[in-house]
Protein backbone atom coordinates (compact mmCIF):
# COMPACT_ATOMS: atom_id res chain seq x y z
CA MET A 1 104.26 102.96 75.13
CA GLU A 2 106.66 101.26 76.46
CA LYS A 3 106.55 98.76 79.14
CA LYS A 4 108.10 100.07 82.59
CA ASN A 5 109.57 98.10 85.01
CA ALA A 6 106.49 96.05 87.09
CA ARG A 7 106.34 96.21 91.17
CA LYS A 8 107.20 93.18 92.36
CA TYR A 9 104.98 91.89 95.41
CA ARG A 10 105.84 89.47 97.92
CA LEU A 11 104.02 86.17 98.53
CA LEU A 12 102.03 87.07 101.45
CA GLN A 13 100.68 90.54 99.77
CA ASN A 14 99.76 88.05 96.64
CA VAL A 15 98.09 85.75 98.82
CA THR A 16 95.87 88.65 100.24
CA TYR A 17 95.61 90.23 96.91
CA VAL A 18 94.04 86.56 95.96
CA TYR A 19 91.84 86.32 99.16
CA GLN A 20 90.38 89.79 98.25
CA GLY A 21 88.91 88.34 95.18
CA VAL A 22 87.81 85.00 96.97
CA ALA A 23 86.13 87.20 99.38
CA LYS A 24 84.23 89.61 96.91
CA HIS A 25 83.19 86.44 94.41
CA LYS A 26 83.16 83.68 97.21
CA PRO A 27 83.54 84.52 100.74
CA TYR A 28 82.21 81.38 102.07
CA LEU A 29 85.97 79.41 100.77
CA ILE A 30 87.69 81.87 103.93
CA GLY A 31 85.73 80.00 106.38
CA LEU A 32 86.21 76.26 104.59
CA LEU A 33 90.09 77.41 104.96
CA VAL A 34 89.77 77.46 108.86
CA LEU A 35 88.09 74.31 109.06
CA ALA A 36 90.16 72.74 106.78
CA ILE A 37 93.01 73.68 108.92
CA PHE A 38 91.65 72.23 112.17
CA CYS A 39 89.71 68.82 110.44
CA SER A 40 92.83 67.95 108.77
CA ALA A 41 95.49 68.40 111.43
CA GLY A 42 93.23 66.94 113.95
CA SER A 43 92.47 63.82 112.05
CA LYS A 44 96.16 63.01 112.11
CA PHE A 45 96.68 63.00 115.69
CA ILE A 46 93.35 61.43 117.26
CA GLY A 47 94.14 58.05 115.78
CA LEU A 48 97.60 58.28 117.45
CA PHE A 49 96.13 59.35 121.14
CA LEU A 50 93.78 55.85 120.54
CA GLY A 51 96.73 53.91 119.55
CA LYS A 52 98.24 55.20 122.98
CA TYR A 53 95.48 54.55 125.35
CA LEU A 54 94.70 51.12 123.84
CA VAL A 55 98.50 49.89 124.39
CA GLU A 56 98.28 51.91 127.87
CA TYR A 57 95.40 49.76 128.67
CA VAL A 58 96.68 46.55 128.16
CA GLY A 59 99.83 47.48 129.76
CA LYS A 60 99.43 49.72 132.76
CA GLY A 61 95.79 48.29 133.64
CA ILE A 62 93.73 51.84 132.67
CA PRO A 63 90.25 51.04 133.71
CA LEU A 64 87.57 50.42 131.00
CA GLU A 65 85.31 53.18 131.59
CA GLU A 66 87.60 55.42 131.29
CA LEU A 67 88.97 53.77 127.89
CA ILE A 68 85.62 53.47 126.86
CA ARG A 69 84.93 57.44 127.60
CA LEU A 70 88.52 58.04 125.83
CA VAL A 71 87.63 56.10 122.96
CA LEU A 72 84.13 57.69 122.58
CA ILE A 73 85.17 60.99 122.87
CA LEU A 74 88.46 60.76 120.32
CA THR A 75 86.29 58.44 118.03
CA GLY A 76 83.50 61.25 117.72
CA CYS A 77 86.31 64.06 117.47
CA ASN A 78 87.57 62.12 114.84
CA VAL A 79 83.97 61.41 112.77
CA LEU A 80 83.59 65.79 113.17
CA CYS A 81 86.83 65.98 111.44
CA MET A 82 85.93 63.51 108.69
CA ILE A 83 82.87 65.70 107.98
CA GLY A 84 84.47 68.88 108.05
CA GLN A 85 87.21 67.51 105.28
CA ASN A 86 84.65 66.26 103.40
CA ALA A 87 82.62 69.67 103.81
CA VAL A 88 86.22 71.19 102.45
CA SER A 89 86.54 69.25 99.58
CA PHE A 90 82.94 69.29 98.32
CA GLY A 91 82.71 73.22 98.65
CA LYS A 92 86.67 74.28 97.76
CA GLU A 93 86.44 72.64 94.21
CA PRO A 94 83.33 74.52 92.58
CA ALA A 95 84.34 78.31 94.87
CA ALA A 96 87.73 77.95 93.62
CA PHE A 97 86.63 76.80 90.04
CA TYR A 98 84.60 79.67 89.80
CA VAL A 99 87.05 82.88 91.71
CA ARG A 100 89.61 82.07 88.31
CA PRO A 101 87.25 83.11 85.77
CA MET A 102 86.22 86.24 87.70
CA PHE A 103 89.72 87.09 87.64
CA MET A 104 90.00 86.17 83.93
CA LEU A 105 86.89 88.74 83.60
CA GLU A 106 88.50 91.37 85.45
CA ARG A 107 91.91 91.25 83.42
CA ASN A 108 89.63 91.34 79.92
CA LYS A 109 88.13 93.86 81.31
CA LYS A 110 91.60 95.54 81.93
CA SER A 111 92.63 94.63 78.33
CA ILE A 112 89.05 96.51 76.73
CA ALA A 113 90.23 99.52 78.41
CA MET A 114 93.33 99.80 77.39
CA PHE A 115 94.58 101.88 74.71
CA TYR A 116 93.91 100.21 71.11
CA GLU A 117 97.66 100.95 70.08
CA ASN A 118 98.86 98.82 72.43
CA MET A 119 97.16 95.64 71.11
CA GLU A 120 99.65 95.89 68.21
CA ASN A 121 102.79 96.14 70.64
CA ARG A 122 104.52 93.05 71.21
CA LYS A 123 106.25 93.84 74.49
CA VAL A 124 102.19 94.58 75.65
CA LEU A 125 101.07 91.40 73.94
CA ASP A 126 104.02 89.08 75.79
CA MET A 127 103.14 90.77 79.23
CA LEU A 128 99.27 89.58 78.32
CA GLU A 129 100.48 86.12 77.54
CA LYS A 130 102.38 85.62 80.69
CA SER A 131 99.28 87.13 82.68
CA LYS A 132 97.28 84.15 81.19
CA GLU A 133 99.67 82.13 82.93
CA ALA A 134 97.92 82.91 86.46
CA THR A 135 94.41 82.13 85.02
CA ARG A 136 95.53 79.00 82.59
CA ASN A 137 95.19 75.94 85.06
CA VAL A 138 93.65 75.15 88.81
CA ASP A 139 97.33 74.50 90.18
CA VAL A 140 99.11 77.55 88.49
CA GLY A 141 98.49 81.55 89.67
CA ILE A 142 95.17 82.58 91.14
CA GLU A 143 93.59 79.15 91.55
CA GLY A 144 96.81 77.84 92.58
CA ILE A 145 97.43 80.13 95.41
CA ILE A 146 93.84 79.13 96.60
CA ARG A 147 94.43 75.69 96.73
CA PHE A 148 97.77 75.53 98.01
CA THR A 149 97.22 78.20 100.68
CA ILE A 150 94.58 75.83 102.00
CA GLU A 151 97.15 72.70 102.12
CA PHE A 152 99.86 75.10 103.70
CA CYS A 153 97.91 76.39 106.68
CA THR A 154 96.56 72.98 107.22
CA HIS A 155 100.17 71.55 107.61
CA VAL A 156 101.61 74.64 109.56
CA PHE A 157 99.05 73.62 111.79
CA THR A 158 100.31 69.87 111.91
CA CYS A 159 103.70 71.02 112.10
CA ILE A 160 102.83 73.12 115.70
CA LEU A 161 100.97 70.15 117.15
CA ALA A 162 103.96 67.85 116.27
CA VAL A 163 106.46 70.39 117.44
CA VAL A 164 104.73 70.88 120.78
CA LEU A 165 104.37 67.13 121.65
CA LEU A 166 107.67 66.15 120.69
CA CYS A 167 109.24 68.65 122.80
CA ARG A 168 107.77 67.39 125.78
CA ILE A 169 110.67 64.50 125.11
CA SER A 170 113.33 66.09 122.75
CA ILE A 171 113.68 69.59 121.79
CA LEU A 172 116.36 67.96 119.56
CA LEU A 173 114.02 65.43 117.90
CA ALA A 174 111.83 68.41 116.54
CA VAL A 175 114.85 70.16 115.33
CA GLY A 176 116.40 67.57 113.51
CA VAL A 177 112.98 66.80 111.60
CA LEU A 178 112.88 70.76 110.67
CA LEU A 179 116.36 70.57 109.37
CA PHE A 180 115.64 68.05 107.22
CA GLY A 181 112.39 69.67 105.80
CA VAL A 182 114.48 72.88 105.21
CA LEU A 183 117.18 71.09 102.95
CA THR A 184 114.49 69.12 101.10
CA TYR A 185 112.93 72.29 100.39
CA LEU A 186 115.86 74.31 98.73
CA SER A 187 115.97 71.44 96.29
CA VAL A 188 112.06 71.77 95.55
CA ASP A 189 112.31 75.36 95.51
CA LYS A 190 115.18 75.59 93.01
CA ALA A 191 113.29 73.09 90.72
CA THR A 192 110.19 75.39 91.27
CA ARG A 193 112.07 78.47 90.17
CA LYS A 194 113.54 76.32 87.25
CA GLU A 195 110.52 75.42 85.87
CA LYS A 196 108.75 78.97 85.56
CA LYS A 197 112.06 80.27 83.99
CA LEU A 198 112.15 77.31 81.48
CA THR A 199 108.85 77.09 80.85
CA ASN A 200 106.89 80.49 81.14
CA ASP A 201 109.30 83.31 81.11
CA GLU A 202 111.77 82.33 78.38
CA VAL A 203 109.23 80.86 75.94
CA VAL A 204 106.16 83.40 76.28
CA ARG A 205 107.22 84.53 72.65
CA GLU A 206 106.92 80.86 71.58
CA LYS A 207 103.79 80.15 73.34
CA ARG A 208 102.13 83.36 71.89
CA GLU A 209 103.00 82.16 68.14
CA LEU A 210 101.74 78.75 69.09
CA GLU A 211 98.30 79.67 70.00
CA TYR A 212 98.18 82.18 66.81
CA PHE A 213 98.82 79.40 64.27
CA LYS A 214 96.50 76.88 66.48
CA LYS A 215 93.78 79.95 65.92
CA VAL A 216 94.65 79.94 61.87
CA SER A 217 94.47 75.80 61.74
CA THR A 218 91.10 75.55 63.27
CA ASP A 219 89.01 79.31 62.09
CA PHE A 220 86.63 79.35 59.58
CA THR A 221 87.91 82.57 58.51
CA TYR A 222 91.23 80.95 57.21
CA GLY A 223 89.85 77.87 56.26
CA LYS A 224 89.73 78.69 52.37
CA ASP A 225 93.23 80.10 52.33
CA VAL A 226 94.78 77.13 54.08
CA ARG A 227 93.20 74.49 52.07
CA LEU A 228 93.54 76.25 48.61
CA PHE A 229 96.91 77.81 49.18
CA ARG A 230 97.90 74.13 50.93
CA LEU A 231 98.79 76.22 54.13
CA THR A 232 98.49 72.61 55.74
CA GLU A 233 102.23 71.49 55.64
CA LYS A 234 103.49 75.31 56.70
CA LEU A 235 101.24 75.28 59.50
CA LEU A 236 101.58 72.36 60.76
CA GLY A 237 105.56 72.59 60.31
CA THR A 238 105.44 75.58 62.02
CA GLN A 239 103.61 74.37 64.86
CA GLU A 240 105.84 71.37 65.36
CA GLY A 241 108.63 73.47 65.55
CA LEU A 242 107.72 75.84 67.95
CA GLN A 243 106.22 72.90 70.19
CA LYS A 244 109.48 71.16 69.70
CA ILE A 245 110.95 73.88 71.56
CA LEU A 246 108.37 73.90 74.31
CA ASN A 247 109.15 70.29 74.64
CA LYS A 248 113.19 70.89 75.14
CA LYS A 249 112.57 73.40 77.87
CA VAL A 250 109.75 71.10 79.49
CA ARG A 251 112.57 67.94 79.35
CA LYS A 252 115.31 70.32 81.02
CA ALA A 253 112.66 71.58 83.86
CA ARG A 254 112.15 67.66 84.53
CA LEU A 255 115.32 66.73 85.06
CA GLN A 256 115.28 69.53 87.14
CA TRP A 257 112.78 68.07 89.24
CA LEU A 258 114.37 64.72 88.55
CA LYS A 259 117.06 65.84 91.06
CA SER A 260 115.13 67.48 93.28
CA ASP A 261 113.16 64.34 93.84
CA LEU A 262 116.25 61.79 94.39
CA PHE A 263 117.93 64.42 96.82
CA GLY A 264 114.26 64.19 98.92
CA ASN A 265 114.06 60.94 98.67
CA PHE A 266 117.49 60.53 100.33
CA MET A 267 116.87 63.13 102.91
CA GLU A 268 114.02 61.20 103.65
CA LEU A 269 115.59 57.83 104.09
CA LEU A 270 118.14 59.45 106.05
CA ARG A 271 115.51 61.56 108.63
CA GLU A 272 113.63 58.43 109.19
CA GLY A 273 117.24 56.46 110.32
CA CYS A 274 118.14 59.18 112.59
CA LEU A 275 114.52 59.73 114.24
CA TYR A 276 113.71 56.27 114.72
CA GLY A 277 117.01 55.53 116.20
CA LEU A 278 116.73 58.05 118.87
CA LEU A 279 113.15 56.98 119.66
CA VAL A 280 114.49 53.23 120.27
CA TYR A 281 117.33 54.62 122.14
CA LEU A 282 114.84 56.45 124.37
CA ILE A 283 112.79 53.09 124.97
CA LEU A 284 116.11 51.11 125.58
CA GLN A 285 117.42 53.90 128.51
CA ASN A 286 113.55 53.37 129.71
CA GLN A 287 113.04 56.44 129.21
CA LEU A 288 109.73 56.21 126.96
CA GLY A 289 106.98 53.60 127.17
CA ILE A 290 105.58 51.65 124.30
CA GLY A 291 102.12 53.61 124.36
CA ASP A 292 104.48 57.00 124.14
CA PHE A 293 106.42 55.27 121.50
CA LEU A 294 103.50 55.02 119.38
CA LEU A 295 102.49 58.28 120.18
CA TYR A 296 105.68 60.14 119.11
CA ALA A 297 106.56 58.01 116.41
CA GLY A 298 103.69 58.97 115.24
CA CYS A 299 103.97 62.68 115.80
CA VAL A 300 107.83 62.31 114.29
CA ARG A 301 106.00 60.85 110.95
CA ASN A 302 103.36 63.59 110.93
CA LEU A 303 105.72 65.90 111.27
CA ALA A 304 108.20 64.99 108.90
CA GLU A 305 105.70 64.30 106.22
CA ALA A 306 103.75 67.41 106.63
CA PHE A 307 106.83 69.34 106.98
CA GLN A 308 108.12 67.93 103.67
CA ILE A 309 104.42 68.88 102.19
CA LEU A 310 104.81 72.40 103.68
CA MET A 311 108.43 73.15 102.16
CA ARG A 312 106.73 71.46 98.72
CA THR A 313 103.93 73.72 98.76
CA PHE A 314 105.68 77.03 99.85
CA ALA A 315 107.42 76.48 96.86
CA LYS A 316 104.55 75.79 94.87
CA LEU A 317 103.19 79.20 96.30
CA ARG A 318 106.40 80.91 95.41
CA LYS A 319 105.72 79.88 92.12
CA CYS A 320 101.83 80.56 92.25
CA SER A 321 103.25 83.74 93.63
CA ALA A 322 105.50 84.77 90.64
CA GLU A 323 102.26 84.10 88.47
CA VAL A 324 100.28 86.34 89.87
CA ASN A 325 102.85 89.14 89.73
CA ASP A 326 102.62 88.80 86.05
CA TYR A 327 98.69 89.03 86.17
CA ARG A 328 99.02 92.19 88.66
CA ALA A 329 102.13 93.44 86.31
CA TYR A 330 99.94 93.48 83.20
CA ASN A 331 96.53 94.91 85.27
CA GLU A 332 98.88 97.96 86.71
CA PHE A 333 100.16 98.74 83.40
CA CYS A 334 96.44 99.27 81.77
CA ASP A 335 95.58 101.29 85.24
CA ALA A 336 98.86 102.99 84.84
CA GLN A 337 97.64 104.95 81.12
CA PRO A 338 96.06 108.00 81.77
CA ALA A 339 92.34 108.31 81.37
CA GLY A 340 90.90 111.43 80.41
CA GLU A 341 88.54 112.83 83.11
CA LYS A 342 86.87 115.85 81.40
CA GLU A 343 83.32 115.39 79.55
CA VAL A 344 83.09 116.25 75.74
CA PRO A 345 82.08 119.70 75.25
CA LYS A 346 78.40 120.53 75.25
CA GLU A 347 78.73 122.68 72.23
CA ALA A 348 76.28 121.76 69.76
CA GLU A 349 78.75 121.73 66.97
CA TRP A 350 81.98 119.66 67.40
CA HIS A 351 84.85 120.56 65.05
CA PHE A 352 88.78 118.98 65.17
CA THR A 353 91.64 120.39 65.22
CA PHE A 354 94.93 118.68 64.41
CA GLU A 355 98.22 120.57 65.34
CA ASN A 356 101.47 119.38 64.51
CA VAL A 357 100.21 115.62 64.86
CA SER A 358 103.21 112.83 64.36
CA PHE A 359 102.54 108.90 64.92
CA ARG A 360 104.95 106.54 65.23
CA TYR A 361 104.36 102.86 65.94
CA PRO A 362 106.21 101.22 69.05
CA GLY A 363 109.65 99.79 67.94
CA ARG A 364 109.43 101.77 64.74
CA GLU A 365 111.95 104.63 63.62
CA GLU A 366 109.98 106.23 60.99
CA TYR A 367 106.62 107.63 61.41
CA ALA A 368 103.16 106.61 59.82
CA LEU A 369 101.91 110.02 59.95
CA LYS A 370 104.00 113.19 60.22
CA ASN A 371 103.37 117.11 60.95
CA LEU A 372 99.75 116.90 60.26
CA ASN A 373 97.66 120.30 60.60
CA LEU A 374 94.47 120.03 59.76
CA THR A 375 91.13 121.04 60.66
CA LEU A 376 87.35 119.02 60.25
CA PRO A 377 84.62 121.45 60.81
CA PHE A 378 80.89 120.81 61.83
CA LYS A 379 78.77 119.19 59.41
CA GLU A 380 81.84 118.74 56.81
CA LYS A 381 82.25 116.16 54.63
CA LEU A 382 86.01 115.49 54.77
CA ALA A 383 87.58 112.78 51.73
CA VAL A 384 90.73 111.19 52.88
CA VAL A 385 92.57 109.62 50.10
CA GLY A 386 95.59 108.27 48.91
CA LEU A 387 97.37 105.07 48.02
CA ASN A 388 98.17 102.28 50.19
CA GLY A 389 100.08 103.00 52.96
CA ALA A 390 100.06 106.81 52.70
CA GLY A 391 98.44 107.13 56.44
CA LYS A 392 95.31 107.20 56.02
CA THR A 393 94.12 104.54 58.44
CA THR A 394 96.43 106.19 61.13
CA PHE A 395 94.75 109.14 60.68
CA ILE A 396 90.94 107.93 61.35
CA LYS A 397 92.61 105.69 64.54
CA LEU A 398 93.89 108.71 65.87
CA LEU A 399 90.71 110.65 65.19
CA LEU A 400 88.95 108.28 66.83
CA LYS A 401 91.18 108.25 69.93
CA LEU A 402 92.31 104.65 69.21
CA TYR A 403 95.77 105.91 68.78
CA GLN A 404 97.42 108.70 70.64
CA PRO A 405 99.65 111.09 69.01
CA THR A 406 103.52 110.57 69.31
CA GLU A 407 104.17 114.18 68.87
CA GLY A 408 101.31 117.26 68.58
CA ARG A 409 98.13 117.16 69.95
CA ILE A 410 94.25 116.77 68.81
CA LEU A 411 91.89 119.35 70.06
CA LEU A 412 88.02 118.90 69.93
CA ASN A 413 86.75 122.22 70.06
CA GLY A 414 89.96 123.26 71.71
CA VAL A 415 89.94 120.30 74.49
CA ASP A 416 92.84 118.04 74.23
CA LEU A 417 91.41 114.44 73.58
CA ARG A 418 94.08 113.21 75.63
CA ASP A 419 91.58 115.35 78.69
CA ILE A 420 88.35 113.86 77.44
CA ARG A 421 86.57 110.74 78.95
CA THR A 422 86.67 107.88 76.37
CA GLU A 423 83.62 106.66 76.41
CA GLU A 424 82.21 109.23 76.01
CA TYR A 425 84.16 110.75 72.96
CA TYR A 426 83.33 106.78 71.35
CA ALA A 427 79.73 107.96 71.78
CA LEU A 428 80.23 110.70 69.11
CA PHE A 429 81.09 108.42 66.34
CA ALA A 430 79.57 106.00 64.06
CA PRO A 431 82.07 104.19 62.04
CA VAL A 432 81.88 101.67 59.12
CA PHE A 433 85.02 100.10 58.57
CA GLN A 434 86.20 98.13 55.62
CA ASP A 435 86.30 94.82 57.96
CA LEU A 436 83.32 94.17 59.59
CA GLU A 437 83.70 91.88 62.59
CA LEU A 438 80.32 90.04 63.44
CA TYR A 439 79.60 88.37 66.38
CA ALA A 440 78.08 84.94 67.15
CA PHE A 441 74.83 87.07 68.39
CA THR A 442 71.66 87.54 67.07
CA LEU A 443 71.02 90.10 63.83
CA ALA A 444 69.25 92.17 65.84
CA GLU A 445 72.24 92.58 68.47
CA ASN A 446 74.73 92.58 65.46
CA VAL A 447 72.63 96.16 64.41
CA SER A 448 72.20 97.37 67.91
CA MET A 449 75.64 96.27 69.69
CA LYS A 450 73.54 95.90 72.39
CA THR A 451 71.94 92.99 74.83
CA ALA A 452 68.98 91.79 73.18
CA GLU A 453 66.99 93.41 76.27
CA GLU A 454 68.34 96.69 75.57
CA THR A 455 67.71 96.54 71.97
CA ASP A 456 65.14 98.16 70.10
CA PRO A 457 63.32 95.67 67.48
CA GLU A 458 61.18 98.08 65.55
CA ARG A 459 64.51 100.18 65.13
CA VAL A 460 66.65 97.43 63.86
CA MET A 461 63.89 96.72 61.21
CA LYS A 462 64.02 100.06 60.11
CA CYS A 463 68.18 100.40 60.06
CA LEU A 464 67.95 97.11 58.16
CA GLU A 465 65.52 98.40 55.14
CA ARG A 466 67.00 101.94 54.87
CA ALA A 467 70.62 100.07 54.47
CA GLY A 468 69.36 97.90 52.02
CA LEU A 469 68.83 94.43 53.69
CA GLY A 470 65.20 94.61 53.56
CA GLU A 471 64.31 92.22 50.81
CA LYS A 472 66.89 89.62 52.29
CA LEU A 473 65.80 89.79 55.91
CA LYS A 474 62.34 88.40 54.48
CA GLU A 475 64.54 85.18 53.12
CA TRP A 476 65.36 84.52 56.96
CA PRO A 477 62.56 82.68 59.00
CA LYS A 478 63.96 83.93 62.32
CA GLY A 479 63.97 87.51 60.86
CA ILE A 480 65.90 89.76 63.00
CA GLU A 481 66.17 86.60 65.73
CA THR A 482 68.36 84.87 63.07
CA PRO A 483 71.80 84.32 64.40
CA MET A 484 74.84 85.15 62.94
CA LEU A 485 77.58 82.87 62.00
CA ARG A 486 77.81 78.84 62.43
CA ILE A 487 80.17 79.35 65.42
CA LEU A 488 77.47 78.37 68.01
CA HIS A 489 74.39 77.84 65.78
CA ASN A 490 74.03 75.36 62.87
CA ASP A 491 71.42 77.62 61.54
CA GLY A 492 73.41 80.84 61.65
CA ILE A 493 74.01 82.91 58.60
CA LEU A 494 76.81 83.83 56.75
CA LEU A 495 76.82 87.24 54.68
CA SER A 496 78.77 87.92 51.32
CA GLY A 497 80.63 90.94 50.92
CA GLY A 498 78.21 93.24 49.84
CA GLU A 499 75.96 92.48 52.65
CA LYS A 500 78.34 93.00 55.17
CA GLN A 501 78.95 96.68 54.32
CA LYS A 502 75.04 97.02 54.37
CA MET A 503 75.00 95.32 57.64
CA ALA A 504 77.59 97.84 58.45
CA LEU A 505 75.41 100.88 57.58
CA ALA A 506 72.71 99.56 59.13
CA ARG A 507 74.92 99.13 62.32
CA ALA A 508 75.66 102.81 61.78
CA LEU A 509 72.32 103.74 61.41
CA TYR A 510 71.23 102.70 64.76
CA LYS A 511 73.65 104.05 66.82
CA ASP A 512 72.88 107.35 64.93
CA ALA A 513 75.88 109.57 66.23
CA PRO A 514 76.83 112.95 64.92
CA ILE A 515 79.73 112.30 63.29
CA VAL A 516 80.17 109.06 60.72
CA VAL A 517 83.51 107.70 59.60
CA LEU A 518 83.64 105.45 56.83
CA ASP A 519 86.96 103.96 56.78
CA GLU A 520 87.44 102.08 52.93
CA PRO A 521 83.80 100.84 53.00
CA THR A 522 83.53 99.77 49.13
CA SER A 523 87.25 98.45 48.97
CA ALA A 524 85.67 95.26 47.88
CA LEU A 525 82.75 96.06 45.57
CA ASP A 526 82.64 97.05 42.01
CA ALA A 527 82.77 100.70 40.42
CA ARG A 528 78.65 100.45 40.05
CA ALA A 529 78.22 98.60 43.68
CA GLU A 530 80.20 101.23 44.87
CA SER A 531 79.01 104.25 43.54
CA GLU A 532 75.36 102.95 44.69
CA THR A 533 76.44 102.71 48.21
CA TYR A 534 78.30 105.88 48.58
CA GLU A 535 74.87 107.39 47.18
CA ARG A 536 73.58 105.46 50.14
CA PHE A 537 75.83 106.59 52.43
CA ASP A 538 75.34 110.32 51.24
CA SER A 539 71.60 110.02 52.20
CA PHE A 540 72.29 108.82 55.25
CA VAL A 541 75.05 111.18 56.36
CA HIS A 542 72.94 114.46 55.82
CA GLY A 543 73.46 116.91 58.51
CA LYS A 544 76.29 115.07 60.02
CA THR A 545 79.98 115.40 59.68
CA ALA A 546 81.35 112.66 57.87
CA VAL A 547 84.94 111.69 57.10
CA TYR A 548 85.34 109.42 54.05
CA VAL A 549 88.37 107.28 53.90
CA SER A 550 89.57 105.66 50.29
CA HIS A 551 92.16 104.70 47.52
CA ARG A 552 89.75 105.23 45.29
CA LEU A 553 88.57 108.64 44.59
CA ALA A 554 84.72 107.98 43.69
CA SER A 555 83.67 109.41 47.09
CA THR A 556 85.43 112.72 46.85
CA ARG A 557 83.01 114.70 44.38
CA PHE A 558 80.37 115.20 47.00
CA CYS A 559 82.67 115.95 49.68
CA ASP A 560 83.42 119.08 51.00
CA CYS A 561 86.80 118.95 50.97
CA ILE A 562 89.47 116.47 50.10
CA ALA A 563 93.13 115.92 52.28
CA MET A 564 95.09 113.79 50.23
CA PHE A 565 98.06 111.66 52.02
CA GLU A 566 101.20 110.67 50.41
CA GLY A 567 104.11 108.82 52.50
CA GLY A 568 102.01 109.88 55.75
CA GLU A 569 102.09 113.64 54.94
CA LEU A 570 99.41 115.35 53.93
CA VAL A 571 100.45 116.79 50.53
CA GLU A 572 96.80 118.21 49.19
CA TYR A 573 94.14 119.67 50.79
CA GLY A 574 90.99 121.70 49.01
CA SER A 575 87.62 120.93 47.40
CA HIS A 576 87.46 118.17 44.34
CA GLU A 577 87.32 121.51 41.99
CA GLU A 578 90.42 123.32 43.75
CA LEU A 579 92.49 120.17 43.29
CA MET A 580 91.64 119.58 39.73
CA GLU A 581 92.69 123.30 38.95
CA ARG A 582 95.95 122.92 40.46
CA SER A 583 96.78 119.58 38.37
CA GLY A 584 99.00 117.92 40.81
CA LYS A 585 98.92 114.43 42.36
CA TYR A 586 95.28 114.33 43.47
CA ALA A 587 94.31 115.28 39.57
CA HIS A 588 96.84 112.99 38.25
CA LEU A 589 95.40 109.98 40.43
CA PHE A 590 91.29 111.08 39.56
CA GLU A 591 92.08 110.91 36.12
CA LEU A 592 94.05 107.62 35.98
CA GLN A 593 91.18 106.00 37.95
CA ALA A 594 88.51 107.75 36.30
CA GLN A 595 89.54 105.95 32.76
CA TYR A 596 89.45 102.74 35.10
CA TYR A 597 86.16 102.67 36.35
CA GLN A 598 85.11 103.85 32.33
CA GLU A 599 86.70 101.07 31.27
CA GLU A 600 85.10 98.64 33.63
CA GLU A 601 81.72 100.35 32.98
CA ASN A 602 81.91 99.60 29.47
CA HIS A 603 83.19 95.93 30.28
CA GLU A 604 80.14 95.50 32.64
CA ASN A 605 77.76 96.89 29.56
CA VAL A 606 79.25 94.32 27.14
CA ALA A 607 78.86 91.36 29.50
CA CYS A 608 75.03 92.58 29.80
């Protein structure tokens, strides 16, 4: 599916979007935002008024009782502000840290629900990589908006208070401070936008490649090949090259920030000279007392600092907003994919019909499957055969609704698969794939593919025994509670290739779906083990619809029909006997493989 132009949201829209998530997961964070606004701004001005009244007590002779009363009131307010600021600091960090993973989970949920074929689409993977930037760290994207919004609002309130006070003596003074701040902001905003472009937008593919090679370098699955084929230099060299590209972009971004910082320092120096010069002039003209001078000089400093931070924070918020845009674009892409609303047909018998079905992978001109017309009746055993690259796996992914046809349609009892609810459709199938994926769960959970609470232990035991793992199970001290893999547990177990195939069968047995799909489950087995496996499979699928996929033909004799693929097209279809009588490509391939199996069996007998 091609990427469509993503909607661009404005800053306020993205701030609202993020805080809707805050209200859902940590609503008290909104209260902390309000508290931060008043406490942070208040603490900046209370000290100024204390200084003003102390000077006026000395210079103008304010009564001591009034001074003490003012000092106690202002000190009490300052203590409350300090307590409020500490409460904000204490509550803000864990709340913001919690909300970000919730947005990550939301994106993961979208990814799981997305069409499977998009997981192999480079454009979609680039969208996903860009969306990850919004949840990568505490000062970017989602969490960045949470933190910087609090900072932004507190400094807005500080600026408002300072401007109100300064306007009492000179509107020009307040305007001057704001003007210098705007000039500084323009420089900061330029650096911020340049940084996002250089370190995110222009290197999204390099970042994705770097993550992949990091995974390969540390993943146990690749460990044997990396060592035995001496891939260390290639893997590390590739990572070093990608890192150099990223570092080059970072240096360019930092250079832009250096220019921005130098300009900001110059503006700050110029601002201080002009504004303090104006205040001194007002004192010399007897328009300002010493106490007021301290107050308004502090206001100038507060306004200048707050507005400068405000502009920097605003630039950061815009950058975070752009990252949230990428996050939302990916989520909306996932949501925009059509979802079927019809229920699975309630008939007791299900049959599938492929009508002129063709499929082409995104970005490819040639078809992986071309103009397929095929019917799979209820309880029929269909063997899908052909050499590697013939289109067998594509056919299975289309049948399982992992892929959507590029052309044509697939019907379940006359209903287009596109219109059927995906989750209900998946429930019809018990797949056994060539490469079984094990998870760092217990053995029982790997069989049931459910949580421990939802798993039936007795059923797990029966399925493992039926699959041929009963004796092996006795060797594991923890039984079905044995952890798999050694990623999370040191005592985790690793299964051999044959044991994995038995585990796959146990998983399919537990699901007990009406349609079984066996996608090259015996490709790693020898002839004898393959024959035993198919006998076990055959007993398991009795009374069910079954689809066997293999480039070997050992599974075809006990199947009702055989579909032979070549070059993405269905070239022969019929029973084993019918195809052998035709003496076509299937018969030729079967005879070649039969001779190979005979030779292999003879070698095994000699070895014995």
